[in-house]
Amino acid sequence: MRMDLKKIAEDYRRKGYIWGYELLLYPQDALALLDILEQANILVVGCNLWRFWEKDRTYFVEIVGGCGKVEEELSRTDVEHNVRVLRAFLQQPLPYGAELISFDFAESKWWDWLVPPEEQYPHGKRVYPRPKDAAPENSEEHNS
C-alpha cells in the first residue's frame, strides 16, 4: 500500500502549531510521525525544542541548542538510525521546560507539505493553534 505522504503531512499540520516556518508538535505526536517517516524513508536531520512564551499559549520561543547532543548523534544519510535516536530522546521528558518539538528534513518536498509556502510566515507574524479537542488530555489547554 502506497502511503499518501501529502495527506499525512496535512493531518499532522492539524495536530500541531505552525510558527513561522516550523511545525511544532507535542512529543506523542512527534513519536507517531517518526514511525511514518521511517516507513516512508524520509530523513530527519535535526530538531528544535520549543516552549510556550505566554499563558495564552499563542506565542512560542525556541530553546536554542535544546536538542544539543541528540543533533550531534544524527546521521546525514541513515533514516533508521536517526529515528532510533529521536525516538529515545522523545520518550524522556523534554529538557529546559520544552513542551514541543519540530524536525528539520533533508527533503524540501516533505517540508513544503508540512508547512506549505503559502502558510509560511516569519516568526511572530502568524500562528495556527491546534484545535482544543485535539489537545492531549494531560495538558493545561485540554483542561481549560
N, C-alpha and C. Protein backbone atom coordinates (compact mmCIF):
# COMPACT_ATOMS: atom_id res chain seq x y z
N MET A 1 0.85 -1.19 0.00
CA MET A 1 0.00 0.00 0.00
C MET A 1 0.88 1.24 0.00
N ARG A 2 0.66 2.13 -0.96
CA ARG A 2 1.43 3.37 -1.04
C ARG A 2 0.87 4.38 -0.05
N MET A 3 1.77 4.98 0.72
CA MET A 3 1.34 5.98 1.69
C MET A 3 1.12 7.30 0.98
N ASP A 4 0.05 7.98 1.31
CA ASP A 4 -0.19 9.30 0.76
C ASP A 4 0.48 10.32 1.68
N LEU A 5 1.74 10.60 1.39
CA LEU A 5 2.54 11.45 2.28
C LEU A 5 2.02 12.87 2.37
N LYS A 6 1.48 13.37 1.28
CA LYS A 6 0.93 14.73 1.32
C LYS A 6 -0.25 14.79 2.29
N LYS A 7 -1.11 13.77 2.26
CA LYS A 7 -2.25 13.74 3.17
C LYS A 7 -1.78 13.58 4.63
N ILE A 8 -0.79 12.76 4.84
CA ILE A 8 -0.23 12.60 6.19
C ILE A 8 0.29 13.93 6.70
N ALA A 9 1.01 14.65 5.84
CA ALA A 9 1.53 15.96 6.23
C ALA A 9 0.38 16.91 6.59
N GLU A 10 -0.68 16.90 5.80
CA GLU A 10 -1.83 17.76 6.10
C GLU A 10 -2.46 17.39 7.45
N ASP A 11 -2.56 16.10 7.73
CA ASP A 11 -3.11 15.65 9.01
C ASP A 11 -2.26 16.15 10.18
N TYR A 12 -0.94 16.07 10.05
CA TYR A 12 -0.07 16.50 11.14
C TYR A 12 -0.07 18.00 11.33
N ARG A 13 -0.34 18.76 10.30
CA ARG A 13 -0.46 20.22 10.48
C ARG A 13 -1.58 20.53 11.45
N ARG A 14 -2.64 19.73 11.41
CA ARG A 14 -3.78 19.97 12.31
C ARG A 14 -3.48 19.52 13.75
N LYS A 15 -2.46 18.69 13.94
CA LYS A 15 -2.13 18.20 15.28
C LYS A 15 -1.14 19.12 16.00
N GLY A 16 -0.54 20.04 15.30
CA GLY A 16 0.48 20.89 15.90
C GLY A 16 0.21 22.35 15.67
N TYR A 17 1.27 23.13 15.73
CA TYR A 17 1.21 24.56 15.52
C TYR A 17 2.20 24.93 14.43
N ILE A 18 1.79 25.81 13.52
CA ILE A 18 2.73 26.36 12.57
C ILE A 18 3.19 27.69 13.15
N TRP A 19 4.49 27.81 13.30
CA TRP A 19 5.08 29.03 13.85
C TRP A 19 6.21 29.42 12.92
N GLY A 20 5.99 30.46 12.16
CA GLY A 20 6.99 30.84 11.17
C GLY A 20 7.08 29.77 10.10
N TYR A 21 8.22 29.12 10.04
CA TYR A 21 8.47 28.08 9.04
C TYR A 21 8.56 26.70 9.68
N GLU A 22 8.07 26.56 10.88
CA GLU A 22 8.22 25.32 11.64
C GLU A 22 6.86 24.72 11.98
N LEU A 23 6.81 23.39 12.03
CA LEU A 23 5.65 22.69 12.55
C LEU A 23 6.02 22.17 13.92
N LEU A 24 5.39 22.71 14.96
CA LEU A 24 5.67 22.34 16.35
C LEU A 24 4.68 21.28 16.78
N LEU A 25 5.20 20.17 17.31
CA LEU A 25 4.35 19.05 17.72
C LEU A 25 4.61 18.69 19.18
N TYR A 26 3.57 18.19 19.84
CA TYR A 26 3.75 17.60 21.16
C TYR A 26 4.54 16.31 20.98
N PRO A 27 5.30 15.90 22.00
CA PRO A 27 6.14 14.71 21.85
C PRO A 27 5.40 13.46 21.38
N GLN A 28 4.20 13.19 21.89
CA GLN A 28 3.49 11.97 21.47
C GLN A 28 3.12 12.02 19.99
N ASP A 29 2.80 13.20 19.47
CA ASP A 29 2.51 13.33 18.04
C ASP A 29 3.78 13.20 17.22
N ALA A 30 4.87 13.75 17.73
CA ALA A 30 6.16 13.64 17.04
C ALA A 30 6.61 12.18 16.97
N LEU A 31 6.39 11.42 18.03
CA LEU A 31 6.75 10.00 18.02
C LEU A 31 5.95 9.24 16.95
N ALA A 32 4.67 9.51 16.87
CA ALA A 32 3.84 8.85 15.86
C ALA A 32 4.29 9.25 14.45
N LEU A 33 4.64 10.51 14.27
CA LEU A 33 5.13 10.96 12.97
C LEU A 33 6.45 10.29 12.61
N LEU A 34 7.32 10.09 13.59
CA LEU A 34 8.59 9.41 13.32
C LEU A 34 8.38 8.02 12.74
N ASP A 35 7.39 7.29 13.23
CA ASP A 35 7.09 5.96 12.69
C ASP A 35 6.73 6.05 11.21
N ILE A 36 5.93 7.02 10.86
CA ILE A 36 5.52 7.21 9.47
C ILE A 36 6.72 7.62 8.61
N LEU A 37 7.53 8.53 9.13
CA LEU A 37 8.70 8.98 8.39
C LEU A 37 9.67 7.83 8.12
N GLU A 38 9.82 6.95 9.11
CA GLU A 38 10.70 5.79 8.94
C GLU A 38 10.15 4.87 7.85
N GLN A 39 8.86 4.59 7.89
CA GLN A 39 8.24 3.73 6.88
C GLN A 39 8.39 4.32 5.48
N ALA A 40 8.32 5.65 5.38
CA ALA A 40 8.41 6.32 4.09
C ALA A 40 9.85 6.63 3.69
N ASN A 41 10.80 6.27 4.56
CA ASN A 41 12.22 6.51 4.30
C ASN A 41 12.54 8.00 4.14
N ILE A 42 11.94 8.82 5.00
CA ILE A 42 12.18 10.27 4.99
C ILE A 42 13.17 10.60 6.09
N LEU A 43 14.24 11.27 5.73
CA LEU A 43 15.35 11.55 6.64
C LEU A 43 15.12 12.82 7.44
N VAL A 44 15.11 12.68 8.76
CA VAL A 44 15.09 13.82 9.68
C VAL A 44 16.55 14.10 10.04
N VAL A 45 17.00 15.33 9.79
CA VAL A 45 18.42 15.65 10.01
C VAL A 45 18.64 16.58 11.20
N GLY A 46 17.56 17.00 11.85
CA GLY A 46 17.72 17.88 13.01
C GLY A 46 16.40 18.07 13.72
N CYS A 47 16.47 18.73 14.88
CA CYS A 47 15.27 19.01 15.64
C CYS A 47 15.47 20.29 16.44
N ASN A 48 14.35 20.88 16.84
CA ASN A 48 14.36 22.10 17.65
C ASN A 48 13.33 21.94 18.75
N LEU A 49 13.64 22.46 19.91
CA LEU A 49 12.70 22.42 21.04
C LEU A 49 12.06 23.79 21.21
N TRP A 50 10.82 23.77 21.68
CA TRP A 50 10.03 24.98 21.83
C TRP A 50 9.26 24.94 23.14
N ARG A 51 8.93 26.11 23.64
CA ARG A 51 8.01 26.22 24.77
C ARG A 51 7.08 27.39 24.51
N PHE A 52 5.96 27.38 25.21
CA PHE A 52 5.03 28.49 25.09
C PHE A 52 5.62 29.69 25.82
N TRP A 53 5.48 30.85 25.23
CA TRP A 53 6.02 32.07 25.82
C TRP A 53 5.05 32.69 26.80
N GLU A 54 3.78 32.68 26.47
CA GLU A 54 2.76 33.31 27.30
C GLU A 54 1.73 32.28 27.74
N LYS A 55 1.01 32.61 28.78
CA LYS A 55 -0.02 31.69 29.27
C LYS A 55 -1.17 31.50 28.29
N ASP A 56 -1.35 32.45 27.36
CA ASP A 56 -2.44 32.28 26.40
C ASP A 56 -2.10 31.24 25.34
N ARG A 57 -0.87 30.73 25.36
CA ARG A 57 -0.42 29.62 24.53
C ARG A 57 -0.53 29.91 23.03
N THR A 58 -0.30 31.18 22.64
CA THR A 58 -0.31 31.51 21.22
C THR A 58 1.04 31.99 20.72
N TYR A 59 2.00 32.18 21.60
CA TYR A 59 3.34 32.58 21.19
C TYR A 59 4.35 31.57 21.71
N PHE A 60 5.41 31.37 20.95
CA PHE A 60 6.39 30.34 21.27
C PHE A 60 7.79 30.94 21.27
N VAL A 61 8.67 30.28 21.98
CA VAL A 61 10.08 30.64 21.95
C VAL A 61 10.88 29.36 21.73
N GLU A 62 11.87 29.46 20.83
CA GLU A 62 12.73 28.32 20.58
C GLU A 62 13.78 28.24 21.68
N ILE A 63 14.06 27.04 22.12
CA ILE A 63 15.11 26.81 23.10
C ILE A 63 16.36 26.48 22.30
N VAL A 64 17.15 27.51 22.03
CA VAL A 64 18.32 27.37 21.17
C VAL A 64 19.28 26.36 21.77
N GLY A 65 19.66 25.39 20.94
CA GLY A 65 20.58 24.35 21.39
C GLY A 65 19.93 23.29 22.26
N GLY A 66 18.61 23.32 22.38
CA GLY A 66 17.90 22.40 23.26
C GLY A 66 18.08 20.93 22.91
N CYS A 67 18.22 20.63 21.65
CA CYS A 67 18.41 19.24 21.23
C CYS A 67 19.86 18.80 21.38
N GLY A 68 20.76 19.74 21.51
CA GLY A 68 22.16 19.52 21.82
C GLY A 68 22.78 18.24 21.30
N LYS A 69 23.10 17.33 22.22
CA LYS A 69 23.81 16.09 21.89
C LYS A 69 23.03 15.20 20.94
N VAL A 70 21.72 15.31 20.97
CA VAL A 70 20.89 14.50 20.06
C VAL A 70 21.26 14.83 18.62
N GLU A 71 21.35 16.12 18.31
CA GLU A 71 21.68 16.51 16.94
C GLU A 71 23.07 16.06 16.54
N GLU A 72 23.99 16.02 17.50
CA GLU A 72 25.34 15.55 17.20
C GLU A 72 25.35 14.07 16.82
N GLU A 73 24.37 13.31 17.32
CA GLU A 73 24.29 11.87 17.04
C GLU A 73 23.59 11.56 15.71
N LEU A 74 22.92 12.54 15.12
CA LEU A 74 22.15 12.27 13.90
C LEU A 74 23.06 12.13 12.69
N SER A 75 22.65 11.24 11.81
CA SER A 75 23.37 10.95 10.57
C SER A 75 22.80 11.82 9.45
N ARG A 76 23.59 12.06 8.43
CA ARG A 76 23.11 12.78 7.25
C ARG A 76 22.55 11.83 6.19
N THR A 77 22.57 10.51 6.49
CA THR A 77 22.12 9.55 5.48
C THR A 77 21.28 8.40 6.01
N ASP A 78 21.31 8.11 7.30
CA ASP A 78 20.71 6.89 7.84
C ASP A 78 19.37 7.18 8.53
N VAL A 79 18.28 6.92 7.84
CA VAL A 79 16.94 7.18 8.35
C VAL A 79 16.66 6.39 9.62
N GLU A 80 16.92 5.09 9.61
CA GLU A 80 16.62 4.24 10.77
C GLU A 80 17.40 4.66 12.01
N HIS A 81 18.67 4.98 11.84
CA HIS A 81 19.49 5.42 12.97
C HIS A 81 18.89 6.69 13.58
N ASN A 82 18.54 7.65 12.74
CA ASN A 82 18.03 8.92 13.24
C ASN A 82 16.68 8.75 13.94
N VAL A 83 15.85 7.88 13.42
CA VAL A 83 14.56 7.62 14.08
C VAL A 83 14.80 7.01 15.45
N ARG A 84 15.73 6.07 15.56
CA ARG A 84 16.05 5.46 16.87
C ARG A 84 16.52 6.53 17.86
N VAL A 85 17.43 7.40 17.42
CA VAL A 85 17.97 8.44 18.30
C VAL A 85 16.86 9.40 18.74
N LEU A 86 16.05 9.85 17.80
CA LEU A 86 14.98 10.79 18.12
C LEU A 86 13.89 10.14 18.97
N ARG A 87 13.57 8.89 18.69
CA ARG A 87 12.56 8.18 19.48
C ARG A 87 13.02 8.09 20.94
N ALA A 88 14.27 7.71 21.16
CA ALA A 88 14.80 7.61 22.53
C ALA A 88 14.75 8.97 23.23
N PHE A 89 15.07 10.02 22.51
CA PHE A 89 15.04 11.37 23.06
C PHE A 89 13.61 11.76 23.45
N LEU A 90 12.65 11.47 22.60
CA LEU A 90 11.26 11.87 22.84
C LEU A 90 10.56 11.02 23.89
N GLN A 91 11.11 9.87 24.21
CA GLN A 91 10.50 9.02 25.24
C GLN A 91 10.89 9.46 26.65
N GLN A 92 11.76 10.44 26.73
CA GLN A 92 12.15 11.04 28.01
C GLN A 92 11.48 12.41 28.13
N PRO A 93 11.35 12.95 29.34
CA PRO A 93 10.84 14.32 29.45
C PRO A 93 11.77 15.28 28.69
N LEU A 94 11.17 16.20 27.96
CA LEU A 94 11.98 17.16 27.21
C LEU A 94 12.72 18.08 28.18
N PRO A 95 13.97 18.43 27.86
CA PRO A 95 14.76 19.29 28.75
C PRO A 95 14.37 20.76 28.64
N TYR A 96 14.85 21.55 29.58
CA TYR A 96 14.76 23.02 29.56
C TYR A 96 13.33 23.55 29.54
N GLY A 97 12.38 22.79 30.06
CA GLY A 97 10.99 23.26 30.07
C GLY A 97 10.32 23.21 28.71
N ALA A 98 10.90 22.51 27.76
CA ALA A 98 10.32 22.42 26.42
C ALA A 98 9.00 21.64 26.46
N GLU A 99 8.08 22.05 25.61
CA GLU A 99 6.79 21.37 25.51
C GLU A 99 6.55 20.81 24.12
N LEU A 100 7.27 21.32 23.14
CA LEU A 100 7.04 20.97 21.74
C LEU A 100 8.37 20.74 21.03
N ILE A 101 8.29 20.04 19.89
CA ILE A 101 9.49 19.78 19.09
C ILE A 101 9.14 19.99 17.62
N SER A 102 10.13 20.42 16.86
CA SER A 102 9.98 20.48 15.40
C SER A 102 11.16 19.73 14.80
N PHE A 103 10.97 19.25 13.58
CA PHE A 103 12.01 18.49 12.89
C PHE A 103 12.54 19.26 11.69
N ASP A 104 13.79 19.00 11.35
CA ASP A 104 14.40 19.50 10.12
C ASP A 104 14.57 18.31 9.19
N PHE A 105 14.22 18.51 7.93
CA PHE A 105 14.21 17.42 6.96
C PHE A 105 15.24 17.62 5.86
N ALA A 106 15.74 16.50 5.33
CA ALA A 106 16.66 16.55 4.20
C ALA A 106 15.91 16.84 2.90
N GLU A 107 14.63 16.47 2.83
CA GLU A 107 13.84 16.63 1.60
C GLU A 107 12.97 17.87 1.66
N SER A 108 13.16 18.79 0.73
CA SER A 108 12.36 20.00 0.74
C SER A 108 10.90 19.73 0.40
N LYS A 109 10.62 18.68 -0.40
CA LYS A 109 9.23 18.39 -0.76
C LYS A 109 8.42 18.06 0.50
N TRP A 110 8.97 17.21 1.37
CA TRP A 110 8.26 16.86 2.61
C TRP A 110 8.05 18.10 3.46
N TRP A 111 9.08 18.93 3.54
CA TRP A 111 8.98 20.17 4.31
C TRP A 111 7.85 21.05 3.78
N ASP A 112 7.77 21.20 2.46
CA ASP A 112 6.72 22.03 1.86
C ASP A 112 5.33 21.44 2.08
N TRP A 113 5.22 20.11 2.21
CA TRP A 113 3.92 19.51 2.52
C TRP A 113 3.53 19.79 3.96
N LEU A 114 4.51 19.74 4.87
CA LEU A 114 4.19 20.00 6.28
C LEU A 114 3.82 21.47 6.50
N VAL A 115 4.60 22.37 5.96
CA VAL A 115 4.35 23.80 6.10
C VAL A 115 4.42 24.40 4.69
N PRO A 116 3.29 24.36 3.96
CA PRO A 116 3.30 24.85 2.59
C PRO A 116 3.75 26.31 2.50
N PRO A 117 4.43 26.67 1.42
CA PRO A 117 4.93 28.05 1.29
C PRO A 117 3.87 29.11 1.53
N GLU A 118 2.63 28.87 1.10
CA GLU A 118 1.58 29.88 1.29
C GLU A 118 1.18 30.03 2.76
N GLU A 119 1.59 29.09 3.62
CA GLU A 119 1.27 29.18 5.05
C GLU A 119 2.49 29.57 5.89
N GLN A 120 3.62 29.79 5.25
CA GLN A 120 4.83 30.15 5.99
C GLN A 120 4.85 31.65 6.25
N TYR A 121 5.15 32.01 7.47
CA TYR A 121 5.26 33.39 7.87
C TYR A 121 6.49 33.55 8.75
N PRO A 122 7.11 34.71 8.70
CA PRO A 122 8.24 34.94 9.62
C PRO A 122 7.76 34.79 11.07
N HIS A 123 8.65 34.39 11.95
CA HIS A 123 8.29 34.20 13.36
C HIS A 123 7.56 35.41 13.90
N GLY A 124 6.51 35.15 14.62
CA GLY A 124 5.76 36.20 15.27
C GLY A 124 4.66 36.79 14.42
N LYS A 125 4.55 36.41 13.16
CA LYS A 125 3.54 37.00 12.29
C LYS A 125 2.21 36.25 12.34
N ARG A 126 2.27 34.95 12.46
CA ARG A 126 1.02 34.18 12.41
C ARG A 126 1.21 32.84 13.08
N VAL A 127 0.19 32.39 13.74
CA VAL A 127 0.23 31.07 14.37
C VAL A 127 -1.12 30.41 14.14
N TYR A 128 -1.08 29.12 13.86
CA TYR A 128 -2.30 28.35 13.70
C TYR A 128 -2.44 27.46 14.92
N PRO A 129 -3.31 27.82 15.86
CA PRO A 129 -3.41 26.99 17.07
C PRO A 129 -4.05 25.64 16.79
N ARG A 130 -3.57 24.69 17.52
CA ARG A 130 -4.11 23.34 17.49
C ARG A 130 -5.53 23.38 18.04
N PRO A 131 -6.45 22.64 17.44
CA PRO A 131 -7.82 22.62 17.96
C PRO A 131 -7.86 22.10 19.39
N LYS A 132 -8.69 22.70 20.23
CA LYS A 132 -8.76 22.29 21.64
C LYS A 132 -9.13 20.83 21.79
N ASP A 133 -9.97 20.30 20.90
CA ASP A 133 -10.37 18.91 21.04
C ASP A 133 -9.25 17.94 20.68
N ALA A 134 -8.14 18.45 20.14
CA ALA A 134 -7.02 17.59 19.78
C ALA A 134 -5.90 17.65 20.82
N ALA A 135 -6.07 18.48 21.86
CA ALA A 135 -5.02 18.63 22.88
C ALA A 135 -4.89 17.35 23.69
N PRO A 136 -3.67 17.03 24.12
CA PRO A 136 -3.50 15.86 24.98
C PRO A 136 -4.26 16.03 26.29
N GLU A 137 -4.78 14.95 26.80
CA GLU A 137 -5.63 15.02 27.98
C GLU A 137 -4.93 15.58 29.20
N ASN A 138 -3.62 15.41 29.30
CA ASN A 138 -2.92 15.89 30.49
C ASN A 138 -2.43 17.33 30.34
N SER A 139 -2.77 18.00 29.23
CA SER A 139 -2.27 19.35 29.02
C SER A 139 -3.16 20.38 29.68
N GLU A 140 -2.58 21.52 29.99
CA GLU A 140 -3.32 22.63 30.56
C GLU A 140 -4.40 23.11 29.58
N GLU A 141 -4.08 23.07 28.28
CA GLU A 141 -5.01 23.51 27.25
C GLU A 141 -6.25 22.64 27.25
N HIS A 142 -6.10 21.34 27.42
CA HIS A 142 -7.25 20.43 27.39
C HIS A 142 -8.16 20.66 28.58
N ASN A 143 -7.56 21.01 29.70
CA ASN A 143 -8.33 21.14 30.93
C ASN A 143 -8.97 22.51 31.11
N SER A 144 -8.74 23.44 30.18
CA SER A 144 -9.32 24.77 30.34
C SER A 144 -10.72 24.85 29.77
